Amino acid sequence: MAKMLVIYKTPADPAAFDRHYFDVHIPLAKKLPGLRRYDVSRRPIVKLSAGEMPYLVGTLYFDSLDDIRTAFASEVGVACAADRRILAPGDDDLTMLLFDADEV
């Protein structure tokens, strides 16, 4: 299983962010080829280190890192990446991690 973890900082307008994220972005992302699951964590999020508290964490699940790359090379993936810029215009507005996860 591979995961894409997207950690969003608090947006300037949380209500507008939420409307767009849940009404536009998620329905678009759910069309990504190879997406197995998508879940969202909202506050309260417990952060055990210093720094800004995340606003929202989205986790997308795929079979492999190659499947993530393929999904985001698709027409829907390109649209998702462009739409993400509406939610988080700057690269500093979020952290994005892609990784394989092994059950232990």
PDB file of N, CA and C in Angstrom:
ATOM      1  N   MET A   1       0.856  -1.174   0.000  1.00  0.00           N
ATOM      2  CA  MET A   1       0.000   0.000   0.000  1.00  0.00           C
ATOM      3  C   MET A   1       0.899   1.234   0.000  1.00  0.00           C
ATOM      4  N   ALA A   2       0.551   2.202  -0.796  1.00  0.00           N
ATOM      5  CA  ALA A   2       1.247   3.484  -0.827  1.00  0.00           C
ATOM      6  C   ALA A   2       0.265   4.568  -0.404  1.00  0.00           C
ATOM      7  N   LYS A   3       0.804   5.584   0.243  1.00  0.00           N
ATOM      8  CA  LYS A   3      -0.047   6.664   0.733  1.00  0.00           C
ATOM      9  C   LYS A   3       0.482   8.007   0.268  1.00  0.00           C
ATOM     10  N   MET A   4      -0.448   8.905   0.090  1.00  0.00           N
ATOM     11  CA  MET A   4      -0.145  10.315  -0.161  1.00  0.00           C
ATOM     12  C   MET A   4      -0.756  11.066   1.009  1.00  0.00           C
ATOM     13  N   LEU A   5       0.092  11.692   1.790  1.00  0.00           N
ATOM     14  CA  LEU A   5      -0.340  12.423   2.967  1.00  0.00           C
ATOM     15  C   LEU A   5      -0.208  13.907   2.663  1.00  0.00           C
ATOM     16  N   VAL A   6      -1.312  14.650   2.784  1.00  0.00           N
ATOM     17  CA  VAL A   6      -1.318  16.080   2.502  1.00  0.00           C
ATOM     18  C   VAL A   6      -1.734  16.795   3.784  1.00  0.00           C
ATOM     19  N   ILE A   7      -0.813  17.606   4.312  1.00  0.00           N
ATOM     20  CA  ILE A   7      -1.029  18.298   5.574  1.00  0.00           C
ATOM     21  C   ILE A   7      -1.167  19.791   5.265  1.00  0.00           C
ATOM     22  N   TYR A   8      -2.367  20.314   5.458  1.00  0.00           N
ATOM     23  CA  TYR A   8      -2.659  21.716   5.136  1.00  0.00           C
ATOM     24  C   TYR A   8      -2.485  22.594   6.361  1.00  0.00           C
ATOM     25  N   LYS A   9      -1.861  23.746   6.177  1.00  0.00           N
ATOM     26  CA  LYS A   9      -1.800  24.770   7.210  1.00  0.00           C
ATOM     27  C   LYS A   9      -3.155  25.479   7.259  1.00  0.00           C
ATOM     28  N   THR A  10      -3.379  26.238   8.319  1.00  0.00           N
ATOM     29  CA  THR A  10      -4.633  26.967   8.463  1.00  0.00           C
ATOM     30  C   THR A  10      -4.762  27.997   7.343  1.00  0.00           C
ATOM     31  N   PRO A  11      -5.843  27.913   6.568  1.00  0.00           N
ATOM     32  CA  PRO A  11      -6.033  28.859   5.466  1.00  0.00           C
ATOM     33  C   PRO A  11      -6.500  30.225   5.968  1.00  0.00           C
ATOM     34  N   ALA A  12      -6.371  31.224   5.117  1.00  0.00           N
ATOM     35  CA  ALA A  12      -6.817  32.580   5.458  1.00  0.00           C
ATOM     36  C   ALA A  12      -8.316  32.613   5.726  1.00  0.00           C
ATOM     37  N   ASP A  13      -9.085  31.830   4.953  1.00  0.00           N
ATOM     38  CA  ASP A  13     -10.539  31.779   5.112  1.00  0.00           C
ATOM     39  C   ASP A  13     -10.956  30.316   5.285  1.00  0.00           C
ATOM     40  N   PRO A  14     -10.967  29.806   6.515  1.00  0.00           N
ATOM     41  CA  PRO A  14     -11.290  28.395   6.733  1.00  0.00           C
ATOM     42  C   PRO A  14     -12.638  27.958   6.167  1.00  0.00           C
ATOM     43  N   ALA A  15     -13.656  28.800   6.249  1.00  0.00           N
ATOM     44  CA  ALA A  15     -14.983  28.419   5.732  1.00  0.00           C
ATOM     45  C   ALA A  15     -14.935  28.236   4.218  1.00  0.00           C
ATOM     46  N   ALA A  16     -14.267  29.133   3.511  1.00  0.00           N
ATOM     47  CA  ALA A  16     -14.144  29.015   2.053  1.00  0.00           C
ATOM     48  C   ALA A  16     -13.308  27.789   1.694  1.00  0.00           C
ATOM     49  N   PHE A  17     -12.240  27.547   2.454  1.00  0.00           N
ATOM     50  CA  PHE A  17     -11.412  26.358   2.238  1.00  0.00           C
ATOM     51  C   PHE A  17     -12.271  25.102   2.364  1.00  0.00           C
ATOM     52  N   ASP A  18     -13.007  24.992   3.464  1.00  0.00           N
ATOM     53  CA  ASP A  18     -13.834  23.812   3.701  1.00  0.00           C
ATOM     54  C   ASP A  18     -14.853  23.597   2.584  1.00  0.00           C
ATOM     55  N   ARG A  19     -15.521  24.665   2.170  1.00  0.00           N
ATOM     56  CA  ARG A  19     -16.510  24.531   1.083  1.00  0.00           C
ATOM     57  C   ARG A  19     -15.850  23.974  -0.170  1.00  0.00           C
ATOM     58  N   HIS A  20     -14.734  24.567  -0.559  1.00  0.00           N
ATOM     59  CA  HIS A  20     -14.074  24.132  -1.788  1.00  0.00           C
ATOM     60  C   HIS A  20     -13.493  22.720  -1.630  1.00  0.00           C
ATOM     61  N   TYR A  21     -12.863  22.457  -0.504  1.00  0.00           N
ATOM     62  CA  TYR A  21     -12.249  21.143  -0.293  1.00  0.00           C
ATOM     63  C   TYR A  21     -13.284  20.022  -0.349  1.00  0.00           C
ATOM     64  N   PHE A  22     -14.385  20.191   0.381  1.00  0.00           N
ATOM     65  CA  PHE A  22     -15.369  19.113   0.474  1.00  0.00           C
ATOM     66  C   PHE A  22     -16.341  19.075  -0.704  1.00  0.00           C
ATOM     67  N   ASP A  23     -16.622  20.219  -1.321  1.00  0.00           N
ATOM     68  CA  ASP A  23     -17.587  20.250  -2.423  1.00  0.00           C
ATOM     69  C   ASP A  23     -16.955  20.097  -3.804  1.00  0.00           C
ATOM     70  N   VAL A  24     -15.686  20.462  -3.931  1.00  0.00           N
ATOM     71  CA  VAL A  24     -15.030  20.430  -5.246  1.00  0.00           C
ATOM     72  C   VAL A  24     -13.836  19.467  -5.269  1.00  0.00           C
ATOM     73  N   HIS A  25     -12.900  19.677  -4.342  1.00  0.00           N
ATOM     74  CA  HIS A  25     -11.645  18.940  -4.407  1.00  0.00           C
ATOM     75  C   HIS A  25     -11.820  17.441  -4.157  1.00  0.00           C
ATOM     76  N   ILE A  26     -12.504  17.075  -3.106  1.00  0.00           N
ATOM     77  CA  ILE A  26     -12.679  15.647  -2.813  1.00  0.00           C
ATOM     78  C   ILE A  26     -13.422  14.926  -3.934  1.00  0.00           C
ATOM     79  N   PRO A  27     -14.560  15.441  -4.427  1.00  0.00           N
ATOM     80  CA  PRO A  27     -15.215  14.735  -5.537  1.00  0.00           C
ATOM     81  C   PRO A  27     -14.309  14.576  -6.758  1.00  0.00           C
ATOM     82  N   LEU A  28     -13.475  15.574  -7.040  1.00  0.00           N
ATOM     83  CA  LEU A  28     -12.537  15.470  -8.149  1.00  0.00           C
ATOM     84  C   LEU A  28     -11.482  14.400  -7.856  1.00  0.00           C
ATOM     85  N   ALA A  29     -10.893  14.446  -6.675  1.00  0.00           N
ATOM     86  CA  ALA A  29      -9.837  13.495  -6.312  1.00  0.00           C
ATOM     87  C   ALA A  29     -10.349  12.061  -6.278  1.00  0.00           C
ATOM     88  N   LYS A  30     -11.603  11.866  -5.929  1.00  0.00           N
ATOM     89  CA  LYS A  30     -12.153  10.505  -5.888  1.00  0.00           C
ATOM     90  C   LYS A  30     -12.233   9.867  -7.275  1.00  0.00           C
ATOM     91  N   LYS A  31     -12.014  10.658  -8.321  1.00  0.00           N
ATOM     92  CA  LYS A  31     -11.982  10.137  -9.691  1.00  0.00           C
ATOM     93  C   LYS A  31     -10.580   9.727 -10.128  1.00  0.00           C
ATOM     94  N   LEU A  32      -9.573   9.917  -9.250  1.00  0.00           N
ATOM     95  CA  LEU A  32      -8.210   9.546  -9.610  1.00  0.00           C
ATOM     96  C   LEU A  32      -8.123   8.058  -9.916  1.00  0.00           C
ATOM     97  N   PRO A  33      -7.519   7.687 -11.038  1.00  0.00           N
ATOM     98  CA  PRO A  33      -7.379   6.263 -11.342  1.00  0.00           C
ATOM     99  C   PRO A  33      -6.487   5.581 -10.307  1.00  0.00           C
ATOM    100  N   GLY A  34      -6.942   4.445  -9.818  1.00  0.00           N
ATOM    101  CA  GLY A  34      -6.155   3.668  -8.871  1.00  0.00           C
ATOM    102  C   GLY A  34      -6.341   4.054  -7.415  1.00  0.00           C
ATOM    103  N   LEU A  35      -7.127   5.099  -7.134  1.00  0.00           N
ATOM    104  CA  LEU A  35      -7.362   5.494  -5.741  1.00  0.00           C
ATOM    105  C   LEU A  35      -8.165   4.408  -5.039  1.00  0.00           C
ATOM    106  N   ARG A  36      -7.663   3.934  -3.911  1.00  0.00           N
ATOM    107  CA  ARG A  36      -8.337   2.877  -3.154  1.00  0.00           C
ATOM    108  C   ARG A  36      -9.172   3.419  -2.001  1.00  0.00           C
ATOM    109  N   ARG A  37      -8.705   4.502  -1.419  1.00  0.00           N
ATOM    110  CA  ARG A  37      -9.380   5.053  -0.243  1.00  0.00           C
ATOM    111  C   ARG A  37      -8.913   6.490  -0.062  1.00  0.00           C
ATOM    112  N   TYR A  38      -9.749   7.305   0.554  1.00  0.00           N
ATOM    113  CA  TYR A  38      -9.418   8.707   0.826  1.00  0.00           C
ATOM    114  C   TYR A  38     -10.027   9.035   2.184  1.00  0.00           C
ATOM    115  N   ASP A  39      -9.205   9.460   3.117  1.00  0.00           N
ATOM    116  CA  ASP A  39      -9.792   9.898   4.381  1.00  0.00           C
ATOM    117  C   ASP A  39      -9.210  11.238   4.793  1.00  0.00           C
ATOM    118  N   VAL A  40      -9.936  11.911   5.678  1.00  0.00           N
ATOM    119  CA  VAL A  40      -9.604  13.264   6.097  1.00  0.00           C
ATOM    120  C   VAL A  40      -9.625  13.320   7.618  1.00  0.00           C
ATOM    121  N   SER A  41      -8.627  13.985   8.185  1.00  0.00           N
ATOM    122  CA  SER A  41      -8.575  14.232   9.621  1.00  0.00           C
ATOM    123  C   SER A  41      -8.655  15.734   9.839  1.00  0.00           C
ATOM    124  N   ARG A  42      -9.611  16.149  10.653  1.00  0.00           N
ATOM    125  CA  ARG A  42      -9.761  17.561  10.984  1.00  0.00           C
ATOM    126  C   ARG A  42      -9.502  17.751  12.467  1.00  0.00           C
ATOM    127  N   ARG A  43      -9.388  18.992  12.842  1.00  0.00           N
ATOM    128  CA  ARG A  43      -9.109  19.286  14.238  1.00  0.00           C
ATOM    129  C   ARG A  43     -10.176  18.715  15.139  1.00  0.00           C
ATOM    130  N   PRO A  44      -9.832  18.249  16.298  1.00  0.00           N
ATOM    131  CA  PRO A  44      -8.513  18.405  16.882  1.00  0.00           C
ATOM    132  C   PRO A  44      -7.514  17.398  16.314  1.00  0.00           C
ATOM    133  N   ILE A  45      -6.338  17.887  15.976  1.00  0.00           N
ATOM    134  CA  ILE A  45      -5.198  17.068  15.573  1.00  0.00           C
ATOM    135  C   ILE A  45      -4.143  17.294  16.648  1.00  0.00           C
ATOM    136  N   VAL A  46      -3.662  16.247  17.244  1.00  0.00           N
ATOM    137  CA  VAL A  46      -2.672  16.367  18.298  1.00  0.00           C
ATOM    138  C   VAL A  46      -1.288  16.398  17.655  1.00  0.00           C
ATOM    139  N   LYS A  47      -0.572  17.477  17.884  1.00  0.00           N
ATOM    140  CA  LYS A  47       0.777  17.639  17.352  1.00  0.00           C
ATOM    141  C   LYS A  47       1.728  17.626  18.533  1.00  0.00           C
ATOM    142  N   LEU A  48       2.673  16.694  18.522  1.00  0.00           N
ATOM    143  CA  LEU A  48       3.552  16.524  19.666  1.00  0.00           C
ATOM    144  C   LEU A  48       4.871  17.270  19.530  1.00  0.00           C
ATOM    145  N   SER A  49       5.040  17.986  18.435  1.00  0.00           N
ATOM    146  CA  SER A  49       6.261  18.773  18.259  1.00  0.00           C
ATOM    147  C   SER A  49       5.897  20.248  18.127  1.00  0.00           C
ATOM    148  N   ALA A  50       6.914  21.083  18.163  1.00  0.00           N
ATOM    149  CA  ALA A  50       6.694  22.526  18.053  1.00  0.00           C
ATOM    150  C   ALA A  50       6.236  22.880  16.642  1.00  0.00           C
ATOM    151  N   GLY A  51       5.649  24.044  16.502  1.00  0.00           N
ATOM    152  CA  GLY A  51       5.232  24.530  15.199  1.00  0.00           C
ATOM    153  C   GLY A  51       3.727  24.638  15.090  1.00  0.00           C
ATOM    154  N   GLU A  52       3.322  25.129  13.945  1.00  0.00           N
ATOM    155  CA  GLU A  52       1.906  25.383  13.695  1.00  0.00           C
ATOM    156  C   GLU A  52       1.095  24.083  13.662  1.00  0.00           C
ATOM    157  N   MET A  53      -0.078  24.137  14.265  1.00  0.00           N
ATOM    158  CA  MET A  53      -0.995  23.000  14.263  1.00  0.00           C
ATOM    159  C   MET A  53      -1.581  22.834  12.857  1.00  0.00           C
ATOM    160  N   PRO A  54      -1.564  21.622  12.302  1.00  0.00           N
ATOM    161  CA  PRO A  54      -2.198  21.428  10.991  1.00  0.00           C
ATOM    162  C   PRO A  54      -3.686  21.749  11.053  1.00  0.00           C
ATOM    163  N   TYR A  55      -4.212  22.232   9.939  1.00  0.00           N
ATOM    164  CA  TYR A  55      -5.641  22.514   9.841  1.00  0.00           C
ATOM    165  C   TYR A  55      -6.397  21.254   9.427  1.00  0.00           C
ATOM    166  N   LEU A  56      -5.839  20.548   8.462  1.00  0.00           N
ATOM    167  CA  LEU A  56      -6.512  19.375   7.908  1.00  0.00           C
ATOM    168  C   LEU A  56      -5.449  18.456   7.337  1.00  0.00           C
ATOM    169  N   VAL A  57      -5.667  17.145   7.466  1.00  0.00           N
ATOM    170  CA  VAL A  57      -4.766  16.154   6.890  1.00  0.00           C
ATOM    171  C   VAL A  57      -5.599  15.233   5.999  1.00  0.00           C
ATOM    172  N   GLY A  58      -5.208  15.150   4.739  1.00  0.00           N
ATOM    173  CA  GLY A  58      -5.852  14.234   3.808  1.00  0.00           C
ATOM    174  C   GLY A  58      -4.914  13.077   3.510  1.00  0.00           C
ATOM    175  N   THR A  59      -5.447  11.856   3.522  1.00  0.00           N
ATOM    176  CA  THR A  59      -4.645  10.679   3.205  1.00  0.00           C
ATOM    177  C   THR A  59      -5.316   9.930   2.061  1.00  0.00           C
ATOM    178  N   LEU A  60      -4.549   9.752   0.985  1.00  0.00           N
ATOM    179  CA  LEU A  60      -5.023   9.027  -0.189  1.00  0.00           C
ATOM    180  C   LEU A  60      -4.242   7.722  -0.273  1.00  0.00           C
ATOM    181  N   TYR A  61      -4.924   6.637  -0.562  1.00  0.00           N
ATOM    182  CA  TYR A  61      -4.324   5.307  -0.561  1.00  0.00           C
ATOM    183  C   TYR A  61      -4.327   4.736  -1.981  1.00  0.00           C
ATOM    184  N   PHE A  62      -3.195   4.198  -2.374  1.00  0.00           N
ATOM    185  CA  PHE A  62      -3.017   3.557  -3.675  1.00  0.00           C
ATOM    186  C   PHE A  62      -2.271   2.248  -3.464  1.00  0.00           C
ATOM    187  N   ASP A  63      -2.221   1.416  -4.492  1.00  0.00           N
ATOM    188  CA  ASP A  63      -1.496   0.142  -4.379  1.00  0.00           C
ATOM    189  C   ASP A  63       0.014   0.325  -4.358  1.00  0.00           C
ATOM    190  N   SER A  64       0.525   1.347  -5.049  1.00  0.00           N
ATOM    191  CA  SER A  64       1.976   1.531  -5.143  1.00  0.00           C
ATOM    192  C   SER A  64       2.303   2.996  -5.427  1.00  0.00           C
ATOM    193  N   LEU A  65       3.567   3.355  -5.225  1.00  0.00           N
ATOM    194  CA  LEU A  65       4.014   4.700  -5.585  1.00  0.00           C
ATOM    195  C   LEU A  65       3.873   4.930  -7.079  1.00  0.00           C
ATOM    196  N   ASP A  66       4.104   3.892  -7.880  1.00  0.00           N
ATOM    197  CA  ASP A  66       3.904   4.025  -9.328  1.00  0.00           C
ATOM    198  C   ASP A  66       2.457   4.351  -9.654  1.00  0.00           C
ATOM    199  N   ASP A  67       1.522   3.770  -8.910  1.00  0.00           N
ATOM    200  CA  ASP A  67       0.105   4.080  -9.130  1.00  0.00           C
ATOM    201  C   ASP A  67      -0.204   5.537  -8.792  1.00  0.00           C
ATOM    202  N   ILE A  68       0.463   6.080  -7.768  1.00  0.00           N
ATOM    203  CA  ILE A  68       0.282   7.501  -7.449  1.00  0.00           C
ATOM    204  C   ILE A  68       0.793   8.355  -8.600  1.00  0.00           C
ATOM    205  N   ARG A  69       1.980   8.033  -9.093  1.00  0.00           N
ATOM    206  CA  ARG A  69       2.549   8.797 -10.214  1.00  0.00           C
ATOM    207  C   ARG A  69       1.636   8.727 -11.442  1.00  0.00           C
ATOM    208  N   THR A  70       1.145   7.539 -11.737  1.00  0.00           N
ATOM    209  CA  THR A  70       0.242   7.355 -12.880  1.00  0.00           C
ATOM    210  C   THR A  70      -1.034   8.160 -12.691  1.00  0.00           C
ATOM    211  N   ALA A  71      -1.594   8.127 -11.478  1.00  0.00           N
ATOM    212  CA  ALA A  71      -2.835   8.855 -11.204  1.00  0.00           C
ATOM    213  C   ALA A  71      -2.655  10.350 -11.441  1.00  0.00           C
ATOM    214  N   PHE A  72      -1.528  10.903 -10.995  1.00  0.00           N
ATOM    215  CA  PHE A  72      -1.334  12.343 -11.115  1.00  0.00           C
ATOM    216  C   PHE A  72      -0.799  12.762 -12.477  1.00  0.00           C
ATOM    217  N   ALA A  73      -0.461  11.795 -13.311  1.00  0.00           N
ATOM    218  CA  ALA A  73      -0.120  12.095 -14.705  1.00  0.00           C
ATOM    219  C   ALA A  73      -1.365  12.077 -15.586  1.00  0.00           C
ATOM    220  N   SER A  74      -2.478  11.566 -15.042  1.00  0.00           N
ATOM    221  CA  SER A  74      -3.731  11.494 -15.793  1.00  0.00           C
ATOM    222  C   SER A  74      -4.372  12.878 -15.881  1.00  0.00           C
ATOM    223  N   GLU A  75      -5.395  12.988 -16.712  1.00  0.00           N
ATOM    224  CA  GLU A  75      -6.137  14.248 -16.849  1.00  0.00           C
ATOM    225  C   GLU A  75      -6.738  14.678 -15.513  1.00  0.00           C
ATOM    226  N   VAL A  76      -7.300  13.719 -14.782  1.00  0.00           N
ATOM    227  CA  VAL A  76      -7.885  14.031 -13.475  1.00  0.00           C
ATOM    228  C   VAL A  76      -6.797  14.451 -12.496  1.00  0.00           C
ATOM    229  N   GLY A  77      -5.657  13.786 -12.537  1.00  0.00           N
ATOM    230  CA  GLY A  77      -4.552  14.131 -11.646  1.00  0.00           C
ATOM    231  C   GLY A  77      -4.027  15.534 -11.878  1.00  0.00           C
ATOM    232  N   VAL A  78      -3.905  15.913 -13.142  1.00  0.00           N
ATOM    233  CA  VAL A  78      -3.462  17.268 -13.479  1.00  0.00           C
ATOM    234  C   VAL A  78      -4.489  18.284 -12.968  1.00  0.00           C
ATOM    235  N   ALA A  79      -5.777  17.953 -13.114  1.00  0.00           N
ATOM    236  CA  ALA A  79      -6.835  18.844 -12.615  1.00  0.00           C
ATOM    237  C   ALA A  79      -6.791  18.942 -11.089  1.00  0.00           C
ATOM    238  N   CYS A  80      -6.515  17.829 -10.407  1.00  0.00           N
ATOM    239  CA  CYS A  80      -6.404  17.848  -8.940  1.00  0.00           C
ATOM    240  C   CYS A  80      -5.243  18.726  -8.492  1.00  0.00           C
ATOM    241  N   ALA A  81      -4.121  18.598  -9.162  1.00  0.00           N
ATOM    242  CA  ALA A  81      -2.951  19.407  -8.803  1.00  0.00           C
ATOM    243  C   ALA A  81      -3.241  20.886  -8.999  1.00  0.00           C
ATOM    244  N   ALA A  82      -3.922  21.224 -10.081  1.00  0.00           N
ATOM    245  CA  ALA A  82      -4.283  22.629 -10.324  1.00  0.00           C
ATOM    246  C   ALA A  82      -5.288  23.108  -9.279  1.00  0.00           C
ATOM    247  N   ASP A  83      -6.255  22.274  -8.933  1.00  0.00           N
ATOM    248  CA  ASP A  83      -7.257  22.646  -7.944  1.00  0.00           C
ATOM    249  C   ASP A  83      -6.630  22.821  -6.567  1.00  0.00           C
ATOM    250  N   ARG A  84      -5.622  22.043  -6.249  1.00  0.00           N
ATOM    251  CA  ARG A  84      -4.927  22.170  -4.968  1.00  0.00           C
ATOM    252  C   ARG A  84      -4.351  23.573  -4.810  1.00  0.00           C
ATOM    253  N   ARG A  85      -3.966  24.200  -5.914  1.00  0.00           N
ATOM    254  CA  ARG A  85      -3.411  25.561  -5.858  1.00  0.00           C
ATOM    255  C   ARG A  85      -4.476  26.584  -5.443  1.00  0.00           C
ATOM    256  N   ILE A  86      -5.752  26.247  -5.633  1.00  0.00           N
ATOM    257  CA  ILE A  86      -6.830  27.118  -5.153  1.00  0.00           C
ATOM    258  C   ILE A  86      -6.898  27.027  -3.629  1.00  0.00           C
ATOM    259  N   LEU A  87      -6.749  25.822  -3.104  1.00  0.00           N
ATOM    260  CA  LEU A  87      -6.818  25.591  -1.662  1.00  0.00           C
ATOM    261  C   LEU A  87      -5.577  26.082  -0.937  1.00  0.00           C
ATOM    262  N   ALA A  88      -4.439  25.816  -1.524  1.00  0.00           N
ATOM    263  CA  ALA A  88      -3.151  26.140  -0.900  1.00  0.00           C
ATOM    264  C   ALA A  88      -2.240  26.699  -1.989  1.00  0.00           C
ATOM    265  N   PRO A  89      -2.350  27.994  -2.269  1.00  0.00           N
ATOM    266  CA  PRO A  89      -1.636  28.581  -3.404  1.00  0.00           C
ATOM    267  C   PRO A  89      -0.110  28.460  -3.339  1.00  0.00           C
ATOM    268  N   GLY A  90       0.435  28.585  -2.147  1.00  0.00           N
ATOM    269  CA  GLY A  90       1.889  28.540  -2.011  1.00  0.00           C
ATOM    270  C   GLY A  90       2.374  27.166  -1.600  1.00  0.00           C
ATOM    271  N   ASP A  91       3.615  26.859  -1.963  1.00  0.00           N
ATOM    272  CA  ASP A  91       4.192  25.573  -1.568  1.00  0.00           C
ATOM    273  C   ASP A  91       4.356  25.478  -0.048  1.00  0.00           C
ATOM    274  N   ASP A  92       4.420  26.617   0.629  1.00  0.00           N
ATOM    275  CA  ASP A  92       4.544  26.629   2.088  1.00  0.00           C
ATOM    276  C   ASP A  92       3.209  26.422   2.792  1.00  0.00           C
ATOM    277  N   ASP A  93       2.107  26.375   2.039  1.00  0.00           N
ATOM    278  CA  ASP A  93       0.781  26.243   2.635  1.00  0.00           C
ATOM    279  C   ASP A  93       0.425  24.802   2.999  1.00  0.00           C
ATOM    280  N   LEU A  94       1.282  23.873   2.617  1.00  0.00           N
ATOM    281  CA  LEU A  94       1.015  22.471   2.893  1.00  0.00           C
ATOM    282  C   LEU A  94       2.305  21.686   2.883  1.00  0.00           C
ATOM    283  N   THR A  95       2.223  20.476   3.408  1.00  0.00           N
ATOM    284  CA  THR A  95       3.290  19.489   3.298  1.00  0.00           C
ATOM    285  C   THR A  95       2.683  18.280   2.624  1.00  0.00           C
ATOM    286  N   MET A  96       3.377  17.726   1.641  1.00  0.00           N
ATOM    287  CA  MET A  96       2.881  16.568   0.919  1.00  0.00           C
ATOM    288  C   MET A  96       3.942  15.469   0.991  1.00  0.00           C
ATOM    289  N   LEU A  97       3.534  14.301   1.433  1.00  0.00           N
ATOM    290  CA  LEU A  97       4.438  13.157   1.567  1.00  0.00           C
ATOM    291  C   LEU A  97       3.875  11.974   0.804  1.00  0.00           C
ATOM    292  N   LEU A  98       4.708  11.297   0.039  1.00  0.00           N
ATOM    293  CA  LEU A  98       4.338  10.072  -0.669  1.00  0.00           C
ATOM    294  C   LEU A  98       5.227   8.969  -0.130  1.00  0.00           C
ATOM    295  N   PHE A  99       4.623   7.825   0.238  1.00  0.00           N
ATOM    296  CA  PHE A  99       5.446   6.750   0.804  1.00  0.00           C
ATOM    297  C   PHE A  99       4.732   5.415   0.713  1.00  0.00           C
ATOM    298  N   ASP A 100       5.534   4.361   0.718  1.00  0.00           N
ATOM    299  CA  ASP A 100       5.004   3.006   0.832  1.00  0.00           C
ATOM    300  C   ASP A 100       4.793   2.725   2.311  1.00  0.00           C
ATOM    301  N   ALA A 101       3.761   1.995   2.619  1.00  0.00           N
ATOM    302  CA  ALA A 101       3.478   1.621   4.007  1.00  0.00           C
ATOM    303  C   ALA A 101       3.369   0.099   4.081  1.00  0.00           C
ATOM    304  N   ASP A 102       4.127  -0.471   4.961  1.00  0.00           N
ATOM    305  CA  ASP A 102       4.113  -1.920   5.166  1.00  0.00           C
ATOM    306  C   ASP A 102       3.460  -2.224   6.507  1.00  0.00           C
ATOM    307  N   GLU A 103       2.574  -3.191   6.502  1.00  0.00           N
ATOM    308  CA  GLU A 103       1.979  -3.622   7.766  1.00  0.00           C
ATOM    309  C   GLU A 103       3.014  -4.422   8.536  1.00  0.00           C
ATOM    310  N   VAL A 104       3.123  -4.137   9.815  1.00  0.00           N
ATOM    311  CA  VAL A 104       4.110  -4.857  10.643  1.00  0.00           C
ATOM    312  C   VAL A 104       3.446  -5.512  11.824  1.00  0.00           C
TER     313      VAL A 104
END
